[in-house]
PDB file of N, CA and C in Angstrom:
ATOM      1  N   MET A   1       0.810  -1.183   0.000  1.00  0.00           N
ATOM      2  CA  MET A   1       0.000   0.000   0.000  1.00  0.00           C
ATOM      3  C   MET A   1       0.867   1.267   0.000  1.00  0.00           C
ATOM      4  N   VAL A   2       2.081   1.188   0.490  1.00  0.00           N
ATOM      5  CA  VAL A   2       2.979   2.345   0.502  1.00  0.00           C
ATOM      6  C   VAL A   2       3.576   2.524  -0.894  1.00  0.00           C
ATOM      7  N   PRO A   3       3.524   3.737  -1.453  1.00  0.00           N
ATOM      8  CA  PRO A   3       4.121   3.969  -2.773  1.00  0.00           C
ATOM      9  C   PRO A   3       5.601   3.570  -2.778  1.00  0.00           C
ATOM     10  N   SER A   4       6.048   2.948  -3.847  1.00  0.00           N
ATOM     11  CA  SER A   4       7.408   2.404  -3.907  1.00  0.00           C
ATOM     12  C   SER A   4       8.493   3.464  -3.797  1.00  0.00           C
ATOM     13  N   ASP A   5       8.207   4.701  -4.194  1.00  0.00           N
ATOM     14  CA  ASP A   5       9.232   5.743  -4.137  1.00  0.00           C
ATOM     15  C   ASP A   5       9.099   6.660  -2.916  1.00  0.00           C
ATOM     16  N   LEU A   6       8.230   6.298  -1.981  1.00  0.00           N
ATOM     17  CA  LEU A   6       8.052   7.103  -0.776  1.00  0.00           C
ATOM     18  C   LEU A   6       9.157   6.780   0.222  1.00  0.00           C
ATOM     19  N   GLU A   7       9.790   7.812   0.750  1.00  0.00           N
ATOM     20  CA  GLU A   7      10.897   7.627   1.684  1.00  0.00           C
ATOM     21  C   GLU A   7      10.555   8.224   3.039  1.00  0.00           C
ATOM     22  N   SER A   8      11.199   7.701   4.092  1.00  0.00           N
ATOM     23  CA  SER A   8      11.051   8.290   5.418  1.00  0.00           C
ATOM     24  C   SER A   8      11.479   9.746   5.360  1.00  0.00           C
ATOM     25  N   GLY A   9      10.760  10.589   6.064  1.00  0.00           N
ATOM     26  CA  GLY A   9      11.061  12.014   6.074  1.00  0.00           C
ATOM     27  C   GLY A   9      10.323  12.807   5.016  1.00  0.00           C
ATOM     28  N   ALA A  10       9.623  12.124   4.118  1.00  0.00           N
ATOM     29  CA  ALA A  10       8.871  12.827   3.071  1.00  0.00           C
ATOM     30  C   ALA A  10       7.736  13.635   3.699  1.00  0.00           C
ATOM     31  N   ILE A  11       7.465  14.770   3.109  1.00  0.00           N
ATOM     32  CA  ILE A  11       6.367  15.619   3.552  1.00  0.00           C
ATOM     33  C   ILE A  11       5.330  15.651   2.437  1.00  0.00           C
ATOM     34  N   LEU A  12       4.116  15.250   2.772  1.00  0.00           N
ATOM     35  CA  LEU A  12       3.024  15.244   1.804  1.00  0.00           C
ATOM     36  C   LEU A  12       2.073  16.393   2.113  1.00  0.00           C
ATOM     37  N   HIS A  13       1.794  17.201   1.123  1.00  0.00           N
ATOM     38  CA  HIS A  13       0.793  18.261   1.223  1.00  0.00           C
ATOM     39  C   HIS A  13      -0.439  17.747   0.493  1.00  0.00           C
ATOM     40  N   VAL A  14      -1.555  17.700   1.184  1.00  0.00           N
ATOM     41  CA  VAL A  14      -2.767  17.106   0.630  1.00  0.00           C
ATOM     42  C   VAL A  14      -3.914  18.106   0.702  1.00  0.00           C
ATOM     43  N   ARG A  15      -4.600  18.282  -0.405  1.00  0.00           N
ATOM     44  CA  ARG A  15      -5.811  19.110  -0.443  1.00  0.00           C
ATOM     45  C   ARG A  15      -6.994  18.167  -0.261  1.00  0.00           C
ATOM     46  N   LEU A  16      -7.808  18.415   0.763  1.00  0.00           N
ATOM     47  CA  LEU A  16      -8.940  17.551   1.073  1.00  0.00           C
ATOM     48  C   LEU A  16     -10.256  18.283   0.885  1.00  0.00           C
ATOM     49  N   ILE A  17     -11.284  17.488   0.719  1.00  0.00           N
ATOM     50  CA  ILE A  17     -12.652  17.975   0.802  1.00  0.00           C
ATOM     51  C   ILE A  17     -13.229  17.350   2.067  1.00  0.00           C
ATOM     52  N   ILE A  18     -13.773  18.182   2.950  1.00  0.00           N
ATOM     53  CA  ILE A  18     -14.428  17.679   4.152  1.00  0.00           C
ATOM     54  C   ILE A  18     -15.928  17.716   3.885  1.00  0.00           C
ATOM     55  N   ASP A  19     -16.539  16.534   3.905  1.00  0.00           N
ATOM     56  CA  ASP A  19     -17.962  16.430   3.598  1.00  0.00           C
ATOM     57  C   ASP A  19     -18.793  16.960   4.768  1.00  0.00           C
ATOM     58  N   THR A  20     -20.091  17.062   4.568  1.00  0.00           N
ATOM     59  CA  THR A  20     -20.967  17.612   5.606  1.00  0.00           C
ATOM     60  C   THR A  20     -21.054  16.725   6.845  1.00  0.00           C
ATOM     61  N   ASP A  21     -20.629  15.461   6.731  1.00  0.00           N
ATOM     62  CA  ASP A  21     -20.618  14.577   7.901  1.00  0.00           C
ATOM     63  C   ASP A  21     -19.234  14.509   8.551  1.00  0.00           C
ATOM     64  N   GLY A  22     -18.288  15.334   8.090  1.00  0.00           N
ATOM     65  CA  GLY A  22     -16.946  15.359   8.654  1.00  0.00           C
ATOM     66  C   GLY A  22     -15.994  14.352   8.033  1.00  0.00           C
ATOM     67  N   ARG A  23     -16.460  13.601   7.053  1.00  0.00           N
ATOM     68  CA  ARG A  23     -15.614  12.591   6.404  1.00  0.00           C
ATOM     69  C   ARG A  23     -14.683  13.253   5.398  1.00  0.00           C
ATOM     70  N   PRO A  24     -13.361  12.984   5.520  1.00  0.00           N
ATOM     71  CA  PRO A  24     -12.411  13.575   4.576  1.00  0.00           C
ATOM     72  C   PRO A  24     -12.319  12.765   3.287  1.00  0.00           C
ATOM     73  N   GLU A  25     -12.189  13.458   2.168  1.00  0.00           N
ATOM     74  CA  GLU A  25     -12.026  12.806   0.867  1.00  0.00           C
ATOM     75  C   GLU A  25     -10.949  13.526   0.073  1.00  0.00           C
ATOM     76  N   ILE A  26     -10.246  12.772  -0.729  1.00  0.00           N
ATOM     77  CA  ILE A  26      -9.307  13.365  -1.672  1.00  0.00           C
ATOM     78  C   ILE A  26     -10.120  13.733  -2.911  1.00  0.00           C
ATOM     79  N   PRO A  27      -9.969  14.949  -3.433  1.00  0.00           N
ATOM     80  CA  PRO A  27     -10.738  15.347  -4.617  1.00  0.00           C
ATOM     81  C   PRO A  27     -10.519  14.385  -5.792  1.00  0.00           C
ATOM     82  N   PRO A  28     -11.427  14.396  -6.757  1.00  0.00           N
ATOM     83  CA  PRO A  28     -11.321  13.505  -7.917  1.00  0.00           C
ATOM     84  C   PRO A  28      -9.996  13.654  -8.667  1.00  0.00           C
ATOM     85  N   SER A  29      -9.643  12.597  -9.379  1.00  0.00           N
ATOM     86  CA  SER A  29      -8.423  12.623 -10.193  1.00  0.00           C
ATOM     87  C   SER A  29      -8.458  13.803 -11.150  1.00  0.00           C
ATOM     88  N   GLY A  30      -7.269  14.285 -11.498  1.00  0.00           N
ATOM     89  CA  GLY A  30      -7.171  15.404 -12.415  1.00  0.00           C
ATOM     90  C   GLY A  30      -6.982  16.731 -11.709  1.00  0.00           C
ATOM     91  N   THR A  31      -7.152  16.737 -10.386  1.00  0.00           N
ATOM     92  CA  THR A  31      -7.000  17.983  -9.644  1.00  0.00           C
ATOM     93  C   THR A  31      -5.644  18.077  -8.951  1.00  0.00           C
ATOM     94  N   SER A  32      -4.822  17.036  -9.008  1.00  0.00           N
ATOM     95  CA  SER A  32      -3.486  17.000  -8.405  1.00  0.00           C
ATOM     96  C   SER A  32      -3.488  17.466  -6.952  1.00  0.00           C
ATOM     97  N   PRO A  33      -4.244  16.770  -6.077  1.00  0.00           N
ATOM     98  CA  PRO A  33      -4.353  17.219  -4.700  1.00  0.00           C
ATOM     99  C   PRO A  33      -3.195  16.813  -3.787  1.00  0.00           C
ATOM    100  N   ILE A  34      -2.248  16.002  -4.287  1.00  0.00           N
ATOM    101  CA  ILE A  34      -1.159  15.521  -3.436  1.00  0.00           C
ATOM    102  C   ILE A  34       0.184  15.965  -3.995  1.00  0.00           C
ATOM    103  N   HIS A  35       1.005  16.555  -3.109  1.00  0.00           N
ATOM    104  CA  HIS A  35       2.368  16.953  -3.471  1.00  0.00           C
ATOM    105  C   HIS A  35       3.326  16.351  -2.449  1.00  0.00           C
ATOM    106  N   ARG A  36       4.460  15.843  -2.905  1.00  0.00           N
ATOM    107  CA  ARG A  36       5.486  15.305  -2.015  1.00  0.00           C
ATOM    108  C   ARG A  36       6.705  16.194  -2.122  1.00  0.00           C
ATOM    109  N   ASN A  37       7.106  16.786  -1.008  1.00  0.00           N
ATOM    110  CA  ASN A  37       8.262  17.681  -0.973  1.00  0.00           C
ATOM    111  C   ASN A  37       8.191  18.718  -2.097  1.00  0.00           C
ATOM    112  N   GLY A  38       6.985  19.233  -2.343  1.00  0.00           N
ATOM    113  CA  GLY A  38       6.785  20.290  -3.332  1.00  0.00           C
ATOM    114  C   GLY A  38       6.558  19.818  -4.754  1.00  0.00           C
ATOM    115  N   VAL A  39       6.604  18.502  -4.996  1.00  0.00           N
ATOM    116  CA  VAL A  39       6.439  17.957  -6.347  1.00  0.00           C
ATOM    117  C   VAL A  39       5.078  17.266  -6.446  1.00  0.00           C
ATOM    118  N   GLU A  40       4.346  17.567  -7.506  1.00  0.00           N
ATOM    119  CA  GLU A  40       3.034  16.974  -7.716  1.00  0.00           C
ATOM    120  C   GLU A  40       3.134  15.456  -7.829  1.00  0.00           C
ATOM    121  N   MET A  41       2.269  14.738  -7.102  1.00  0.00           N
ATOM    122  CA  MET A  41       2.261  13.279  -7.121  1.00  0.00           C
ATOM    123  C   MET A  41       0.881  12.804  -7.583  1.00  0.00           C
ATOM    124  N   PRO A  42       0.669  12.703  -8.885  1.00  0.00           N
ATOM    125  CA  PRO A  42      -0.663  12.378  -9.390  1.00  0.00           C
ATOM    126  C   PRO A  42      -1.012  10.891  -9.370  1.00  0.00           C
ATOM    127  N   GLY A  43      -0.077  10.029  -9.005  1.00  0.00           N
ATOM    128  CA  GLY A  43      -0.300   8.589  -9.101  1.00  0.00           C
ATOM    129  C   GLY A  43      -1.379   8.058  -8.171  1.00  0.00           C
ATOM    130  N   GLU A  44      -2.049   7.020  -8.629  1.00  0.00           N
ATOM    131  CA  GLU A  44      -3.112   6.382  -7.852  1.00  0.00           C
ATOM    132  C   GLU A  44      -2.563   5.766  -6.565  1.00  0.00           C
ATOM    133  N   ASP A  45      -1.285   5.337  -6.561  1.00  0.00           N
ATOM    134  CA  ASP A  45      -0.713   4.745  -5.352  1.00  0.00           C
ATOM    135  C   ASP A  45      -0.651   5.752  -4.208  1.00  0.00           C
ATOM    136  N   TYR A  46      -0.357   7.009  -4.504  1.00  0.00           N
ATOM    137  CA  TYR A  46      -0.350   8.047  -3.468  1.00  0.00           C
ATOM    138  C   TYR A  46      -1.762   8.338  -2.977  1.00  0.00           C
ATOM    139  N   ARG A  47      -2.718   8.370  -3.886  1.00  0.00           N
ATOM    140  CA  ARG A  47      -4.112   8.607  -3.495  1.00  0.00           C
ATOM    141  C   ARG A  47      -4.591   7.508  -2.548  1.00  0.00           C
ATOM    142  N   GLN A  48      -4.303   6.262  -2.871  1.00  0.00           N
ATOM    143  CA  GLN A  48      -4.728   5.143  -2.036  1.00  0.00           C
ATOM    144  C   GLN A  48      -4.031   5.166  -0.678  1.00  0.00           C
ATOM    145  N   PHE A  49      -2.744   5.495  -0.660  1.00  0.00           N
ATOM    146  CA  PHE A  49      -1.977   5.568   0.581  1.00  0.00           C
ATOM    147  C   PHE A  49      -2.562   6.631   1.513  1.00  0.00           C
ATOM    148  N   VAL A  50      -2.777   7.819   0.988  1.00  0.00           N
ATOM    149  CA  VAL A  50      -3.312   8.911   1.809  1.00  0.00           C
ATOM    150  C   VAL A  50      -4.754   8.612   2.220  1.00  0.00           C
ATOM    151  N   GLN A  51      -5.562   8.082   1.318  1.00  0.00           N
ATOM    152  CA  GLN A  51      -6.955   7.778   1.663  1.00  0.00           C
ATOM    153  C   GLN A  51      -7.023   6.733   2.766  1.00  0.00           C
ATOM    154  N   ALA A  52      -6.111   5.746   2.760  1.00  0.00           N
ATOM    155  CA  ALA A  52      -6.085   4.734   3.821  1.00  0.00           C
ATOM    156  C   ALA A  52      -5.814   5.375   5.181  1.00  0.00           C
ATOM    157  N   ILE A  53      -4.956   6.372   5.218  1.00  0.00           N
ATOM    158  CA  ILE A  53      -4.694   7.096   6.467  1.00  0.00           C
ATOM    159  C   ILE A  53      -5.938   7.879   6.880  1.00  0.00           C
ATOM    160  N   LEU A  54      -6.546   8.554   5.926  1.00  0.00           N
ATOM    161  CA  LEU A  54      -7.697   9.408   6.219  1.00  0.00           C
ATOM    162  C   LEU A  54      -8.944   8.632   6.615  1.00  0.00           C
ATOM    163  N   ASP A  55      -9.035   7.371   6.189  1.00  0.00           N
ATOM    164  CA  ASP A  55     -10.220   6.576   6.500  1.00  0.00           C
ATOM    165  C   ASP A  55     -10.428   6.403   7.999  1.00  0.00           C
ATOM    166  N   SER A  56      -9.371   6.576   8.792  1.00  0.00           N
ATOM    167  CA  SER A  56      -9.509   6.449  10.245  1.00  0.00           C
ATOM    168  C   SER A  56      -9.693   7.810  10.922  1.00  0.00           C
ATOM    169  N   CYS A  57      -9.862   8.863  10.141  1.00  0.00           N
ATOM    170  CA  CYS A  57      -9.988  10.222  10.687  1.00  0.00           C
ATOM    171  C   CYS A  57     -11.390  10.775  10.467  1.00  0.00           C
ATOM    172  N   THR A  58     -11.807  11.607  11.395  1.00  0.00           N
ATOM    173  CA  THR A  58     -13.039  12.365  11.235  1.00  0.00           C
ATOM    174  C   THR A  58     -12.738  13.807  11.580  1.00  0.00           C
ATOM    175  N   PHE A  59     -13.229  14.698  10.782  1.00  0.00           N
ATOM    176  CA  PHE A  59     -13.025  16.117  10.990  1.00  0.00           C
ATOM    177  C   PHE A  59     -14.365  16.766  11.324  1.00  0.00           C
ATOM    178  N   GLN A  60     -14.330  17.913  11.939  1.00  0.00           N
ATOM    179  CA  GLN A  60     -15.556  18.664  12.201  1.00  0.00           C
ATOM    180  C   GLN A  60     -15.977  19.339  10.900  1.00  0.00           C
ATOM    181  N   ALA A  61     -17.199  19.113  10.517  1.00  0.00           N
ATOM    182  CA  ALA A  61     -17.708  19.746   9.300  1.00  0.00           C
ATOM    183  C   ALA A  61     -17.865  21.246   9.518  1.00  0.00           C
ATOM    184  N   ALA A  62     -17.614  22.006   8.472  1.00  0.00           N
ATOM    185  CA  ALA A  62     -17.825  23.452   8.537  1.00  0.00           C
ATOM    186  C   ALA A  62     -19.328  23.727   8.545  1.00  0.00           C
ATOM    187  N   SER A  63     -19.695  24.856   9.098  1.00  0.00           N
ATOM    188  CA  SER A  63     -21.121  25.171   9.140  1.00  0.00           C
ATOM    189  C   SER A  63     -21.357  26.661   8.943  1.00  0.00           C
ATOM    190  N   ASN A  64     -22.534  26.956   8.493  1.00  0.00           N
ATOM    191  CA  ASN A  64     -23.019  28.330   8.380  1.00  0.00           C
ATOM    192  C   ASN A  64     -24.241  28.441   9.275  1.00  0.00           C
ATOM    193  N   SER A  65     -24.366  29.552   9.940  1.00  0.00           N
ATOM    194  CA  SER A  65     -25.528  29.777  10.789  1.00  0.00           C
ATOM    195  C   SER A  65     -26.313  30.954  10.227  1.00  0.00           C
ATOM    196  N   LEU A  66     -27.553  30.693   9.895  1.00  0.00           N
ATOM    197  CA  LEU A  66     -28.411  31.738   9.338  1.00  0.00           C
ATOM    198  C   LEU A  66     -29.745  31.698  10.072  1.00  0.00           C
ATOM    199  N   ASN A  67     -30.101  32.808  10.680  1.00  0.00           N
ATOM    200  CA  ASN A  67     -31.365  32.894  11.426  1.00  0.00           C
ATOM    201  C   ASN A  67     -31.476  31.818  12.500  1.00  0.00           C
ATOM    202  N   GLY A  68     -30.347  31.531  13.158  1.00  0.00           N
ATOM    203  CA  GLY A  68     -30.355  30.553  14.234  1.00  0.00           C
ATOM    204  C   GLY A  68     -30.331  29.107  13.776  1.00  0.00           C
ATOM    205  N   ARG A  69     -30.343  28.878  12.482  1.00  0.00           N
ATOM    206  CA  ARG A  69     -30.307  27.510  11.948  1.00  0.00           C
ATOM    207  C   ARG A  69     -28.896  27.205  11.471  1.00  0.00           C
ATOM    208  N   ILE A  70     -28.362  26.059  11.874  1.00  0.00           N
ATOM    209  CA  ILE A  70     -27.013  25.673  11.464  1.00  0.00           C
ATOM    210  C   ILE A  70     -27.106  24.754  10.250  1.00  0.00           C
ATOM    211  N   ASP A  71     -26.413  25.115   9.192  1.00  0.00           N
ATOM    212  CA  ASP A  71     -26.315  24.283   7.993  1.00  0.00           C
ATOM    213  C   ASP A  71     -24.868  23.851   7.835  1.00  0.00           C
ATOM    214  N   TYR A  72     -24.648  22.542   7.762  1.00  0.00           N
ATOM    215  CA  TYR A  72     -23.295  22.039   7.544  1.00  0.00           C
ATOM    216  C   TYR A  72     -22.976  22.113   6.059  1.00  0.00           C
ATOM    217  N   VAL A  73     -21.756  22.490   5.750  1.00  0.00           N
ATOM    218  CA  VAL A  73     -21.353  22.695   4.362  1.00  0.00           C
ATOM    219  C   VAL A  73     -20.074  21.925   4.057  1.00  0.00           C
ATOM    220  N   VAL A  74     -19.863  21.643   2.792  1.00  0.00           N
ATOM    221  CA  VAL A  74     -18.629  21.014   2.332  1.00  0.00           C
ATOM    222  C   VAL A  74     -17.531  22.070   2.370  1.00  0.00           C
ATOM    223  N   SER A  75     -16.344  21.690   2.815  1.00  0.00           N
ATOM    224  CA  SER A  75     -15.239  22.649   2.900  1.00  0.00           C
ATOM    225  C   SER A  75     -13.949  22.015   2.392  1.00  0.00           C
ATOM    226  N   ASN A  76     -12.947  22.846   2.180  1.00  0.00           N
ATOM    227  CA  ASN A  76     -11.620  22.388   1.765  1.00  0.00           C
ATOM    228  C   ASN A  76     -10.666  22.504   2.940  1.00  0.00           C
ATOM    229  N   LEU A  77      -9.651  21.648   2.956  1.00  0.00           N
ATOM    230  CA  LEU A  77      -8.642  21.677   4.003  1.00  0.00           C
ATOM    231  C   LEU A  77      -7.307  21.286   3.391  1.00  0.00           C
ATOM    232  N   ASP A  78      -6.274  22.047   3.689  1.00  0.00           N
ATOM    233  CA  ASP A  78      -4.917  21.675   3.296  1.00  0.00           C
ATOM    234  C   ASP A  78      -4.283  20.983   4.487  1.00  0.00           C
ATOM    235  N   LEU A  79      -3.801  19.767   4.270  1.00  0.00           N
ATOM    236  CA  LEU A  79      -3.242  18.943   5.333  1.00  0.00           C
ATOM    237  C   LEU A  79      -1.791  18.633   5.007  1.00  0.00           C
ATOM    238  N   ILE A  80      -0.928  18.673   6.015  1.00  0.00           N
ATOM    239  CA  ILE A  80       0.478  18.313   5.834  1.00  0.00           C
ATOM    240  C   ILE A  80       0.743  17.042   6.627  1.00  0.00           C
ATOM    241  N   LEU A  81       1.204  15.996   5.934  1.00  0.00           N
ATOM    242  CA  LEU A  81       1.563  14.725   6.562  1.00  0.00           C
ATOM    243  C   LEU A  81       3.067  14.537   6.455  1.00  0.00           C
ATOM    244  N   THR A  82       3.713  14.223   7.567  1.00  0.00           N
ATOM    245  CA  THR A  82       5.141  13.925   7.549  1.00  0.00           C
ATOM    246  C   THR A  82       5.315  12.430   7.767  1.00  0.00           C
ATOM    247  N   VAL A  83       6.009  11.762   6.857  1.00  0.00           N
ATOM    248  CA  VAL A  83       6.244  10.328   6.954  1.00  0.00           C
ATOM    249  C   VAL A  83       7.506  10.124   7.788  1.00  0.00           C
ATOM    250  N   GLU A  84       7.341   9.615   9.011  1.00  0.00           N
ATOM    251  CA  GLU A  84       8.501   9.403   9.870  1.00  0.00           C
ATOM    252  C   GLU A  84       9.181   8.083   9.555  1.00  0.00           C
ATOM    253  N   LYS A  85       8.405   7.023   9.508  1.00  0.00           N
ATOM    254  CA  LYS A  85       8.936   5.709   9.128  1.00  0.00           C
ATOM    255  C   LYS A  85       7.766   4.798   8.804  1.00  0.00           C
ATOM    256  N   PHE A  86       8.057   3.717   8.098  1.00  0.00           N
ATOM    257  CA  PHE A  86       7.011   2.747   7.777  1.00  0.00           C
ATOM    258  C   PHE A  86       7.623   1.379   7.634  1.00  0.00           C
TER     259      PHE A  86
END
């Protein structure tokens, strides 16, 4: 599951979509949401690796309050992951 060219110490910058239930998702292919040490990593192996990590996470959904009513909304989040060892 770990990308073959991923090394300890790598820093991954990931653009996420946080759904209205707080579930994180990597945006669809073609948007290049993952960068490793500043270099775009469009491969499916990186998407699967990061998604496997995110599957155990829950984030607080963003919300708007209008007239006392809270509406949860989809939001974006930039996340930085540092690979210490694997």
